[in-house]
């Protein structure tokens, strides 16, 4: 069973531990597997969306010292990725910085 987790492994072996009169708990099993370098690193379940260490020009934040006091004074935008079975889609949002209301959006494929 490739990539079986320690909790599931402990659950499957618990009866065998009792039969062999071994007293080992889940945490002790974790520690033993860690000491033997047998723990499995979890797979990343996300898409890396930001790469800030690039050679392209990075623009300064022009609104850093601006105090937003009313709706529709400042709009901000962001892009996020939505994965489906077929492909990755891009969702672009324009949000009011004061009320945090979504003022506009578009989904692109």
PDB file of N, CA and C in Angstrom:
ATOM      1  N   UNK A   1       0.846  -1.176   0.000  1.00  0.00           N
ATOM      2  CA  UNK A   1       0.000   0.000   0.000  1.00  0.00           C
ATOM      3  C   UNK A   1       0.888   1.236   0.000  1.00  0.00           C
ATOM      4  N   UNK A   2       1.202   1.760  -1.161  1.00  0.00           N
ATOM      5  CA  UNK A   2       2.089   2.923  -1.219  1.00  0.00           C
ATOM      6  C   UNK A   2       1.443   4.155  -0.611  1.00  0.00           C
ATOM      7  N   UNK A   3       2.261   4.936   0.051  1.00  0.00           N
ATOM      8  CA  UNK A   3       1.865   6.224   0.630  1.00  0.00           C
ATOM      9  C   UNK A   3       0.768   6.114   1.670  1.00  0.00           C
ATOM     10  N   UNK A   4       0.745   5.031   2.435  1.00  0.00           N
ATOM     11  CA  UNK A   4      -0.248   4.907   3.500  1.00  0.00           C
ATOM     12  C   UNK A   4       0.195   5.790   4.666  1.00  0.00           C
ATOM     13  N   UNK A   5      -0.745   6.478   5.267  1.00  0.00           N
ATOM     14  CA  UNK A   5      -0.443   7.374   6.370  1.00  0.00           C
ATOM     15  C   UNK A   5      -0.217   6.616   7.668  1.00  0.00           C
ATOM     16  N   UNK A   6       0.431   7.276   8.618  1.00  0.00           N
ATOM     17  CA  UNK A   6       0.763   6.632   9.887  1.00  0.00           C
ATOM     18  C   UNK A   6      -0.489   6.323  10.692  1.00  0.00           C
ATOM     19  N   UNK A   7      -1.474   7.175  10.674  1.00  0.00           N
ATOM     20  CA  UNK A   7      -2.700   6.921  11.436  1.00  0.00           C
ATOM     21  C   UNK A   7      -3.412   5.680  10.907  1.00  0.00           C
ATOM     22  N   UNK A   8      -3.502   5.566   9.592  1.00  0.00           N
ATOM     23  CA  UNK A   8      -4.144   4.388   9.006  1.00  0.00           C
ATOM     24  C   UNK A   8      -3.298   3.147   9.255  1.00  0.00           C
ATOM     25  N   UNK A   9      -1.990   3.285   9.161  1.00  0.00           N
ATOM     26  CA  UNK A   9      -1.095   2.165   9.433  1.00  0.00           C
ATOM     27  C   UNK A   9      -1.245   1.692  10.872  1.00  0.00           C
ATOM     28  N   UNK A  10      -1.341   2.642  11.810  1.00  0.00           N
ATOM     29  CA  UNK A  10      -1.531   2.275  13.211  1.00  0.00           C
ATOM     30  C   UNK A  10      -2.857   1.549  13.397  1.00  0.00           C
ATOM     31  N   UNK A  11      -3.912   2.034  12.754  1.00  0.00           N
ATOM     32  CA  UNK A  11      -5.221   1.395  12.847  1.00  0.00           C
ATOM     33  C   UNK A  11      -5.165  -0.049  12.324  1.00  0.00           C
ATOM     34  N   UNK A  12      -4.458  -0.264  11.215  1.00  0.00           N
ATOM     35  CA  UNK A  12      -4.360  -1.605  10.633  1.00  0.00           C
ATOM     36  C   UNK A  12      -3.497  -2.547  11.470  1.00  0.00           C
ATOM     37  N   UNK A  13      -2.498  -2.004  12.158  1.00  0.00           N
ATOM     38  CA  UNK A  13      -1.571  -2.841  12.922  1.00  0.00           C
ATOM     39  C   UNK A  13      -1.923  -2.961  14.404  1.00  0.00           C
ATOM     40  N   UNK A  14      -2.929  -2.253  14.856  1.00  0.00           N
ATOM     41  CA  UNK A  14      -3.266  -2.228  16.277  1.00  0.00           C
ATOM     42  C   UNK A  14      -3.543  -3.626  16.834  1.00  0.00           C
ATOM     43  N   UNK A  15      -4.300  -4.438  16.105  1.00  0.00           N
ATOM     44  CA  UNK A  15      -4.598  -5.797  16.574  1.00  0.00           C
ATOM     45  C   UNK A  15      -3.344  -6.657  16.605  1.00  0.00           C
ATOM     46  N   UNK A  16      -2.454  -6.481  15.636  1.00  0.00           N
ATOM     47  CA  UNK A  16      -1.195  -7.237  15.623  1.00  0.00           C
ATOM     48  C   UNK A  16      -0.307  -6.842  16.805  1.00  0.00           C
ATOM     49  N   UNK A  17      -0.311  -5.570  17.161  1.00  0.00           N
ATOM     50  CA  UNK A  17       0.455  -5.128  18.328  1.00  0.00           C
ATOM     51  C   UNK A  17      -0.062  -5.792  19.595  1.00  0.00           C
ATOM     52  N   UNK A  18      -1.396  -5.882  19.727  1.00  0.00           N
ATOM     53  CA  UNK A  18      -1.978  -6.536  20.903  1.00  0.00           C
ATOM     54  C   UNK A  18      -1.630  -8.022  20.931  1.00  0.00           C
ATOM     55  N   UNK A  19      -1.709  -8.665  19.766  1.00  0.00           N
ATOM     56  CA  UNK A  19      -1.411 -10.098  19.682  1.00  0.00           C
ATOM     57  C   UNK A  19       0.042 -10.382  20.068  1.00  0.00           C
ATOM     58  N   UNK A  20       0.953  -9.515  19.639  1.00  0.00           N
ATOM     59  CA  UNK A  20       2.378  -9.682  19.954  1.00  0.00           C
ATOM     60  C   UNK A  20       2.750  -9.076  21.301  1.00  0.00           C
ATOM     61  N   UNK A  21       1.757  -8.553  22.024  1.00  0.00           N
ATOM     62  CA  UNK A  21       1.956  -7.953  23.339  1.00  0.00           C
ATOM     63  C   UNK A  21       2.932  -6.771  23.280  1.00  0.00           C
ATOM     64  N   UNK A  22       2.830  -5.994  22.209  1.00  0.00           N
ATOM     65  CA  UNK A  22       3.626  -4.767  22.067  1.00  0.00           C
ATOM     66  C   UNK A  22       2.773  -3.591  22.501  1.00  0.00           C
ATOM     67  N   UNK A  23       3.302  -2.779  23.384  1.00  0.00           N
ATOM     68  CA  UNK A  23       2.576  -1.602  23.834  1.00  0.00           C
ATOM     69  C   UNK A  23       3.178  -0.387  23.148  1.00  0.00           C
ATOM     70  N   UNK A  24       2.549  -0.006  22.053  1.00  0.00           N
ATOM     71  CA  UNK A  24       3.001   1.163  21.305  1.00  0.00           C
ATOM     72  C   UNK A  24       1.765   1.947  20.881  1.00  0.00           C
ATOM     73  N   UNK A  25       1.791   3.208  21.156  1.00  0.00           N
ATOM     74  CA  UNK A  25       0.684   4.075  20.786  1.00  0.00           C
ATOM     75  C   UNK A  25       0.933   4.733  19.443  1.00  0.00           C
ATOM     76  N   UNK A  26      -0.050   5.503  19.028  1.00  0.00           N
ATOM     77  CA  UNK A  26       0.062   6.168  17.733  1.00  0.00           C
ATOM     78  C   UNK A  26       1.230   7.141  17.700  1.00  0.00           C
ATOM     79  N   UNK A  27       1.391   7.933  18.762  1.00  0.00           N
ATOM     80  CA  UNK A  27       2.475   8.917  18.794  1.00  0.00           C
ATOM     81  C   UNK A  27       3.844   8.243  18.828  1.00  0.00           C
ATOM     82  N   UNK A  28       3.938   7.139  19.548  1.00  0.00           N
ATOM     83  CA  UNK A  28       5.200   6.400  19.592  1.00  0.00           C
ATOM     84  C   UNK A  28       5.515   5.805  18.221  1.00  0.00           C
ATOM     85  N   UNK A  29       4.477   5.377  17.500  1.00  0.00           N
ATOM     86  CA  UNK A  29       4.685   4.858  16.142  1.00  0.00           C
ATOM     87  C   UNK A  29       5.173   5.978  15.231  1.00  0.00           C
ATOM     88  N   UNK A  30       4.578   7.184  15.376  1.00  0.00           N
ATOM     89  CA  UNK A  30       5.054   8.344  14.630  1.00  0.00           C
ATOM     90  C   UNK A  30       6.535   8.592  14.910  1.00  0.00           C
ATOM     91  N   UNK A  31       6.906   8.606  16.184  1.00  0.00           N
ATOM     92  CA  UNK A  31       8.300   8.868  16.566  1.00  0.00           C
ATOM     93  C   UNK A  31       9.237   7.806  16.008  1.00  0.00           C
ATOM     94  N   UNK A  32       8.813   6.530  16.056  1.00  0.00           N
ATOM     95  CA  UNK A  32       9.658   5.458  15.533  1.00  0.00           C
ATOM     96  C   UNK A  32       9.842   5.598  14.020  1.00  0.00           C
ATOM     97  N   UNK A  33       8.757   5.837  13.297  1.00  0.00           N
ATOM     98  CA  UNK A  33       8.860   5.993  11.842  1.00  0.00           C
ATOM     99  C   UNK A  33       9.701   7.222  11.483  1.00  0.00           C
ATOM    100  N   UNK A  34       9.583   8.288  12.271  1.00  0.00           N
ATOM    101  CA  UNK A  34      10.398   9.481  12.034  1.00  0.00           C
ATOM    102  C   UNK A  34      11.880   9.178  12.247  1.00  0.00           C
ATOM    103  N   UNK A  35      12.205   8.429  13.305  1.00  0.00           N
ATOM    104  CA  UNK A  35      13.611   8.110  13.587  1.00  0.00           C
ATOM    105  C   UNK A  35      14.214   7.205  12.521  1.00  0.00           C
ATOM    106  N   UNK A  36      13.387   6.419  11.864  1.00  0.00           N
ATOM    107  CA  UNK A  36      13.861   5.525  10.796  1.00  0.00           C
ATOM    108  C   UNK A  36      13.706   6.156   9.410  1.00  0.00           C
ATOM    109  N   UNK A  37      13.296   7.425   9.354  1.00  0.00           N
ATOM    110  CA  UNK A  37      13.092   8.161   8.093  1.00  0.00           C
ATOM    111  C   UNK A  37      12.078   7.466   7.188  1.00  0.00           C
ATOM    112  N   UNK A  38      10.993   6.999   7.790  1.00  0.00           N
ATOM    113  CA  UNK A  38       9.953   6.298   7.042  1.00  0.00           C
ATOM    114  C   UNK A  38       8.661   7.097   6.908  1.00  0.00           C
ATOM    115  N   UNK A  39       8.625   8.298   7.455  1.00  0.00           N
ATOM    116  CA  UNK A  39       7.432   9.122   7.290  1.00  0.00           C
ATOM    117  C   UNK A  39       7.335   9.614   5.852  1.00  0.00           C
ATOM    118  N   UNK A  40       6.134   9.728   5.362  1.00  0.00           N
ATOM    119  CA  UNK A  40       5.890  10.170   3.990  1.00  0.00           C
ATOM    120  C   UNK A  40       5.558  11.643   4.008  1.00  0.00           C
ATOM    121  N   UNK A  41       6.230  12.411   3.182  1.00  0.00           N
ATOM    122  CA  UNK A  41       5.933  13.831   3.082  1.00  0.00           C
ATOM    123  C   UNK A  41       4.615  14.004   2.345  1.00  0.00           C
ATOM    124  N   UNK A  42       3.710  14.824   2.893  1.00  0.00           N
ATOM    125  CA  UNK A  42       2.423  15.017   2.215  1.00  0.00           C
ATOM    126  C   UNK A  42       2.591  15.738   0.885  1.00  0.00           C
ATOM    127  N   UNK A  43       1.735  15.360  -0.068  1.00  0.00           N
ATOM    128  CA  UNK A  43       1.751  16.028  -1.365  1.00  0.00           C
ATOM    129  C   UNK A  43       1.100  17.390  -1.232  1.00  0.00           C
ATOM    130  N   UNK A  44       1.593  18.355  -1.989  1.00  0.00           N
ATOM    131  CA  UNK A  44       1.008  19.689  -1.990  1.00  0.00           C
ATOM    132  C   UNK A  44      -0.270  19.665  -2.815  1.00  0.00           C
ATOM    133  N   UNK A  45      -1.331  20.183  -2.233  1.00  0.00           N
ATOM    134  CA  UNK A  45      -2.616  20.191  -2.917  1.00  0.00           C
ATOM    135  C   UNK A  45      -2.987  21.582  -3.416  1.00  0.00           C
ATOM    136  N   UNK A  46      -2.013  22.362  -3.798  1.00  0.00           N
ATOM    137  CA  UNK A  46      -2.317  23.702  -4.234  1.00  0.00           C
ATOM    138  C   UNK A  46      -1.445  24.080  -5.420  1.00  0.00           C
ATOM    139  N   UNK A  47      -1.874  25.099  -6.103  1.00  0.00           N
ATOM    140  CA  UNK A  47      -1.125  25.652  -7.221  1.00  0.00           C
ATOM    141  C   UNK A  47      -0.394  26.880  -6.734  1.00  0.00           C
ATOM    142  N   UNK A  48       0.886  26.945  -6.960  1.00  0.00           N
ATOM    143  CA  UNK A  48       1.644  28.126  -6.572  1.00  0.00           C
ATOM    144  C   UNK A  48       1.266  29.248  -7.523  1.00  0.00           C
ATOM    145  N   UNK A  49       0.727  30.328  -6.958  1.00  0.00           N
ATOM    146  CA  UNK A  49       0.193  31.391  -7.796  1.00  0.00           C
ATOM    147  C   UNK A  49       1.041  32.650  -7.795  1.00  0.00           C
ATOM    148  N   UNK A  50       1.981  32.765  -6.888  1.00  0.00           N
ATOM    149  CA  UNK A  50       2.784  33.979  -6.794  1.00  0.00           C
ATOM    150  C   UNK A  50       4.262  33.645  -6.922  1.00  0.00           C
ATOM    151  N   UNK A  51       4.939  34.379  -7.773  1.00  0.00           N
ATOM    152  CA  UNK A  51       6.391  34.263  -7.920  1.00  0.00           C
ATOM    153  C   UNK A  51       6.943  35.684  -7.919  1.00  0.00           C
ATOM    154  N   UNK A  52       7.366  36.158  -6.745  1.00  0.00           N
ATOM    155  CA  UNK A  52       7.796  37.545  -6.606  1.00  0.00           C
ATOM    156  C   UNK A  52       9.275  37.760  -6.899  1.00  0.00           C
ATOM    157  N   UNK A  53      10.031  36.700  -6.992  1.00  0.00           N
ATOM    158  CA  UNK A  53      11.480  36.852  -7.222  1.00  0.00           C
ATOM    159  C   UNK A  53      11.793  36.686  -8.701  1.00  0.00           C
ATOM    160  N   UNK A  54      11.236  37.574  -9.503  1.00  0.00           N
ATOM    161  CA  UNK A  54      11.464  37.533 -10.936  1.00  0.00           C
ATOM    162  C   UNK A  54      12.231  38.784 -11.352  1.00  0.00           C
ATOM    163  N   UNK A  55      12.659  38.801 -12.592  1.00  0.00           N
ATOM    164  CA  UNK A  55      13.479  39.899 -13.095  1.00  0.00           C
ATOM    165  C   UNK A  55      12.651  41.055 -13.641  1.00  0.00           C
ATOM    166  N   UNK A  56      11.351  40.862 -13.744  1.00  0.00           N
ATOM    167  CA  UNK A  56      10.493  41.909 -14.285  1.00  0.00           C
ATOM    168  C   UNK A  56      10.322  43.053 -13.282  1.00  0.00           C
ATOM    169  N   UNK A  57       9.919  44.206 -13.768  1.00  0.00           N
ATOM    170  CA  UNK A  57       9.739  45.377 -12.912  1.00  0.00           C
ATOM    171  C   UNK A  57       8.611  45.128 -11.916  1.00  0.00           C
ATOM    172  N   UNK A  58       8.850  45.497 -10.663  1.00  0.00           N
ATOM    173  CA  UNK A  58       7.825  45.422  -9.627  1.00  0.00           C
ATOM    174  C   UNK A  58       7.400  46.844  -9.298  1.00  0.00           C
ATOM    175  N   UNK A  59       6.130  47.115  -9.397  1.00  0.00           N
ATOM    176  CA  UNK A  59       5.630  48.461  -9.191  1.00  0.00           C
ATOM    177  C   UNK A  59       5.341  48.698  -7.714  1.00  0.00           C
ATOM    178  N   UNK A  60       5.594  49.911  -7.239  1.00  0.00           N
ATOM    179  CA  UNK A  60       5.342  50.199  -5.816  1.00  0.00           C
ATOM    180  C   UNK A  60       3.850  50.317  -5.534  1.00  0.00           C
ATOM    181  N   UNK A  61       3.497  50.149  -4.262  1.00  0.00           N
ATOM    182  CA  UNK A  61       2.124  50.298  -3.824  1.00  0.00           C
ATOM    183  C   UNK A  61       1.825  51.787  -3.683  1.00  0.00           C
ATOM    184  N   UNK A  62       1.061  52.339  -4.604  1.00  0.00           N
ATOM    185  CA  UNK A  62       0.778  53.764  -4.621  1.00  0.00           C
ATOM    186  C   UNK A  62      -0.254  54.173  -3.567  1.00  0.00           C
ATOM    187  N   UNK A  63      -0.972  53.219  -3.018  1.00  0.00           N
ATOM    188  CA  UNK A  63      -2.024  53.524  -2.051  1.00  0.00           C
ATOM    189  C   UNK A  63      -1.624  53.164  -0.622  1.00  0.00           C
ATOM    190  N   UNK A  64      -0.353  52.964  -0.387  1.00  0.00           N
ATOM    191  CA  UNK A  64       0.103  52.507   0.919  1.00  0.00           C
ATOM    192  C   UNK A  64      -0.283  53.476   2.035  1.00  0.00           C
ATOM    193  N   UNK A  65      -0.175  54.767   1.799  1.00  0.00           N
ATOM    194  CA  UNK A  65      -0.464  55.769   2.828  1.00  0.00           C
ATOM    195  C   UNK A  65      -1.834  56.430   2.653  1.00  0.00           C
ATOM    196  N   UNK A  66      -2.621  55.942   1.709  1.00  0.00           N
ATOM    197  CA  UNK A  66      -3.939  56.505   1.464  1.00  0.00           C
ATOM    198  C   UNK A  66      -4.936  55.940   2.467  1.00  0.00           C
ATOM    199  N   UNK A  67      -5.709  56.815   3.097  1.00  0.00           N
ATOM    200  CA  UNK A  67      -6.751  56.384   4.014  1.00  0.00           C
ATOM    201  C   UNK A  67      -8.060  56.297   3.245  1.00  0.00           C
ATOM    202  N   UNK A  68      -8.615  55.104   3.179  1.00  0.00           N
ATOM    203  CA  UNK A  68      -9.865  54.879   2.448  1.00  0.00           C
ATOM    204  C   UNK A  68     -11.007  55.206   3.399  1.00  0.00           C
ATOM    205  N   UNK A  69     -11.813  56.221   3.043  1.00  0.00           N
ATOM    206  CA  UNK A  69     -12.853  56.714   3.941  1.00  0.00           C
ATOM    207  C   UNK A  69     -14.272  56.532   3.433  1.00  0.00           C
ATOM    208  N   UNK A  70     -14.435  56.186   2.150  1.00  0.00           N
ATOM    209  CA  UNK A  70     -15.785  56.046   1.617  1.00  0.00           C
ATOM    210  C   UNK A  70     -15.800  54.996   0.512  1.00  0.00           C
ATOM    211  N   UNK A  71     -16.989  54.462   0.216  1.00  0.00           N
ATOM    212  CA  UNK A  71     -17.094  53.464  -0.852  1.00  0.00           C
ATOM    213  C   UNK A  71     -16.746  54.065  -2.209  1.00  0.00           C
ATOM    214  N   UNK A  72     -16.284  53.246  -3.091  1.00  0.00           N
ATOM    215  CA  UNK A  72     -15.935  53.582  -4.470  1.00  0.00           C
ATOM    216  C   UNK A  72     -14.842  54.641  -4.568  1.00  0.00           C
ATOM    217  N   UNK A  73     -14.043  54.756  -3.525  1.00  0.00           N
ATOM    218  CA  UNK A  73     -12.890  55.655  -3.554  1.00  0.00           C
ATOM    219  C   UNK A  73     -11.676  54.931  -4.139  1.00  0.00           C
ATOM    220  N   UNK A  74     -11.505  53.663  -3.761  1.00  0.00           N
ATOM    221  CA  UNK A  74     -10.367  52.873  -4.219  1.00  0.00           C
ATOM    222  C   UNK A  74     -10.865  51.488  -4.607  1.00  0.00           C
ATOM    223  N   UNK A  75     -10.454  51.034  -5.777  1.00  0.00           N
ATOM    224  CA  UNK A  75     -10.759  49.686  -6.223  1.00  0.00           C
ATOM    225  C   UNK A  75      -9.461  48.888  -6.275  1.00  0.00           C
ATOM    226  N   UNK A  76      -9.536  47.629  -5.891  1.00  0.00           N
ATOM    227  CA  UNK A  76      -8.386  46.732  -5.970  1.00  0.00           C
ATOM    228  C   UNK A  76      -8.801  45.518  -6.795  1.00  0.00           C
ATOM    229  N   UNK A  77      -7.825  44.842  -7.364  1.00  0.00           N
ATOM    230  CA  UNK A  77      -8.140  43.658  -8.166  1.00  0.00           C
ATOM    231  C   UNK A  77      -7.193  42.531  -7.826  1.00  0.00           C
ATOM    232  N   UNK A  78      -7.644  41.328  -8.147  1.00  0.00           N
ATOM    233  CA  UNK A  78      -6.855  40.134  -7.875  1.00  0.00           C
ATOM    234  C   UNK A  78      -7.241  39.063  -8.881  1.00  0.00           C
ATOM    235  N   UNK A  79      -6.321  38.155  -9.110  1.00  0.00           N
ATOM    236  CA  UNK A  79      -6.568  37.007  -9.986  1.00  0.00           C
ATOM    237  C   UNK A  79      -6.352  35.755  -9.163  1.00  0.00           C
ATOM    238  N   UNK A  80      -7.256  34.797  -9.314  1.00  0.00           N
ATOM    239  CA  UNK A  80      -7.082  33.515  -8.658  1.00  0.00           C
ATOM    240  C   UNK A  80      -7.328  32.412  -9.687  1.00  0.00           C
ATOM    241  N   UNK A  81      -6.907  31.215  -9.357  1.00  0.00           N
ATOM    242  CA  UNK A  81      -6.994  30.085 -10.265  1.00  0.00           C
ATOM    243  C   UNK A  81      -8.039  29.110  -9.752  1.00  0.00           C
ATOM    244  N   UNK A  82      -8.857  28.603 -10.656  1.00  0.00           N
ATOM    245  CA  UNK A  82      -9.865  27.604 -10.313  1.00  0.00           C
ATOM    246  C   UNK A  82      -9.596  26.382 -11.168  1.00  0.00           C
ATOM    247  N   UNK A  83      -9.265  25.260 -10.529  1.00  0.00           N
ATOM    248  CA  UNK A  83      -8.986  24.030 -11.275  1.00  0.00           C
ATOM    249  C   UNK A  83     -10.259  23.221 -11.435  1.00  0.00           C
ATOM    250  N   UNK A  84     -10.502  22.757 -12.648  1.00  0.00           N
ATOM    251  CA  UNK A  84     -11.588  21.832 -12.919  1.00  0.00           C
ATOM    252  C   UNK A  84     -10.979  20.580 -13.525  1.00  0.00           C
ATOM    253  N   UNK A  85     -11.801  19.618 -13.818  1.00  0.00           N
ATOM    254  CA  UNK A  85     -11.279  18.379 -14.412  1.00  0.00           C
ATOM    255  C   UNK A  85     -10.691  18.617 -15.802  1.00  0.00           C
ATOM    256  N   UNK A  86     -11.266  19.558 -16.524  1.00  0.00           N
ATOM    257  CA  UNK A  86     -10.829  19.800 -17.889  1.00  0.00           C
ATOM    258  C   UNK A  86      -9.568  20.656 -17.957  1.00  0.00           C
ATOM    259  N   UNK A  87      -9.515  21.757 -17.177  1.00  0.00           N
ATOM    260  CA  UNK A  87      -8.400  22.705 -17.281  1.00  0.00           C
ATOM    261  C   UNK A  87      -8.399  23.641 -16.084  1.00  0.00           C
ATOM    262  N   UNK A  88      -7.506  24.596 -16.115  1.00  0.00           N
ATOM    263  CA  UNK A  88      -7.449  25.634 -15.099  1.00  0.00           C
ATOM    264  C   UNK A  88      -8.115  26.896 -15.643  1.00  0.00           C
ATOM    265  N   UNK A  89      -8.999  27.469 -14.858  1.00  0.00           N
ATOM    266  CA  UNK A  89      -9.681  28.707 -15.219  1.00  0.00           C
ATOM    267  C   UNK A  89      -9.119  29.830 -14.357  1.00  0.00           C
ATOM    268  N   UNK A  90      -9.214  31.045 -14.850  1.00  0.00           N
ATOM    269  CA  UNK A  90      -8.713  32.215 -14.142  1.00  0.00           C
ATOM    270  C   UNK A  90      -9.885  33.095 -13.775  1.00  0.00           C
ATOM    271  N   UNK A  91      -9.970  33.481 -12.509  1.00  0.00           N
ATOM    272  CA  UNK A  91     -11.025  34.353 -12.023  1.00  0.00           C
ATOM    273  C   UNK A  91     -10.398  35.679 -11.624  1.00  0.00           C
ATOM    274  N   UNK A  92     -10.829  36.744 -12.279  1.00  0.00           N
ATOM    275  CA  UNK A  92     -10.337  38.075 -11.973  1.00  0.00           C
ATOM    276  C   UNK A  92     -11.456  38.855 -11.289  1.00  0.00           C
ATOM    277  N   UNK A  93     -11.141  39.456 -10.129  1.00  0.00           N
ATOM    278  CA  UNK A  93     -12.125  40.194  -9.343  1.00  0.00           C
ATOM    279  C   UNK A  93     -11.702  41.640  -9.187  1.00  0.00           C
ATOM    280  N   UNK A  94     -12.668  42.550  -9.259  1.00  0.00           N
ATOM    281  CA  UNK A  94     -12.444  43.955  -8.919  1.00  0.00           C
ATOM    282  C   UNK A  94     -13.307  44.219  -7.683  1.00  0.00           C
ATOM    283  N   UNK A  95     -12.643  44.669  -6.606  1.00  0.00           N
ATOM    284  CA  UNK A  95     -13.304  44.819  -5.311  1.00  0.00           C
ATOM    285  C   UNK A  95     -13.173  46.249  -4.816  1.00  0.00           C
ATOM    286  N   UNK A  96     -14.224  46.751  -4.166  1.00  0.00           N
ATOM    287  CA  UNK A  96     -14.173  48.053  -3.520  1.00  0.00           C
ATOM    288  C   UNK A  96     -13.377  47.889  -2.227  1.00  0.00           C
ATOM    289  N   UNK A  97     -12.326  48.677  -2.049  1.00  0.00           N
ATOM    290  CA  UNK A  97     -11.443  48.517  -0.902  1.00  0.00           C
ATOM    291  C   UNK A  97     -12.123  48.900   0.409  1.00  0.00           C
ATOM    292  N   UNK A  98     -13.102  49.790   0.391  1.00  0.00           N
ATOM    293  CA  UNK A  98     -13.781  50.227   1.617  1.00  0.00           C
ATOM    294  C   UNK A  98     -14.821  49.203   2.068  1.00  0.00           C
ATOM    295  N   UNK A  99     -15.749  48.871   1.192  1.00  0.00           N
ATOM    296  CA  UNK A  99     -16.853  47.973   1.561  1.00  0.00           C
ATOM    297  C   UNK A  99     -16.529  46.504   1.301  1.00  0.00           C
ATOM    298  N   UNK A 100     -15.468  46.239   0.559  1.00  0.00           N
ATOM    299  CA  UNK A 100     -15.058  44.893   0.147  1.00  0.00           C
ATOM    300  C   UNK A 100     -16.128  44.190  -0.687  1.00  0.00           C
ATOM    301  N   UNK A 101     -16.927  44.989  -1.357  1.00  0.00           N
ATOM    302  CA  UNK A 101     -17.950  44.475  -2.260  1.00  0.00           C
ATOM    303  C   UNK A 101     -17.309  44.201  -3.606  1.00  0.00           C
ATOM    304  N   UNK A 102     -17.660  43.068  -4.205  1.00  0.00           N
ATOM    305  CA  UNK A 102     -17.142  42.726  -5.530  1.00  0.00           C
ATOM    306  C   UNK A 102     -17.889  43.572  -6.553  1.00  0.00           C
ATOM    307  N   UNK A 103     -17.159  44.403  -7.253  1.00  0.00           N
ATOM    308  CA  UNK A 103     -17.751  45.322  -8.219  1.00  0.00           C
ATOM    309  C   UNK A 103     -17.787  44.730  -9.628  1.00  0.00           C
ATOM    310  N   UNK A 104     -16.919  43.769  -9.887  1.00  0.00           N
ATOM    311  CA  UNK A 104     -16.892  43.159 -11.206  1.00  0.00           C
ATOM    312  C   UNK A 104     -16.039  41.913 -11.200  1.00  0.00           C
ATOM    313  N   UNK A 105     -16.295  41.027 -12.147  1.00  0.00           N
ATOM    314  CA  UNK A 105     -15.517  39.804 -12.239  1.00  0.00           C
ATOM    315  C   UNK A 105     -15.555  39.292 -13.665  1.00  0.00           C
ATOM    316  N   UNK A 106     -14.616  38.422 -13.982  1.00  0.00           N
ATOM    317  CA  UNK A 106     -14.605  37.709 -15.264  1.00  0.00           C
ATOM    318  C   UNK A 106     -13.895  36.382 -15.039  1.00  0.00           C
ATOM    319  N   UNK A 107     -14.425  35.340 -15.666  1.00  0.00           N
ATOM    320  CA  UNK A 107     -13.809  34.025 -15.625  1.00  0.00           C
ATOM    321  C   UNK A 107     -13.266  33.736 -17.008  1.00  0.00           C
ATOM    322  N   UNK A 108     -11.977  33.411 -17.083  1.00  0.00           N
ATOM    323  CA  UNK A 108     -11.334  33.143 -18.376  1.00  0.00           C
ATOM    324  C   UNK A 108     -10.810  31.712 -18.390  1.00  0.00           C
ATOM    325  N   UNK A 109     -10.811  31.120 -19.553  1.00  0.00           N
ATOM    326  CA  UNK A 109     -10.270  29.774 -19.683  1.00  0.00           C
ATOM    327  C   UNK A 109      -8.929  29.794 -20.360  1.00  0.00           C
TER     328      UNK A 109
END
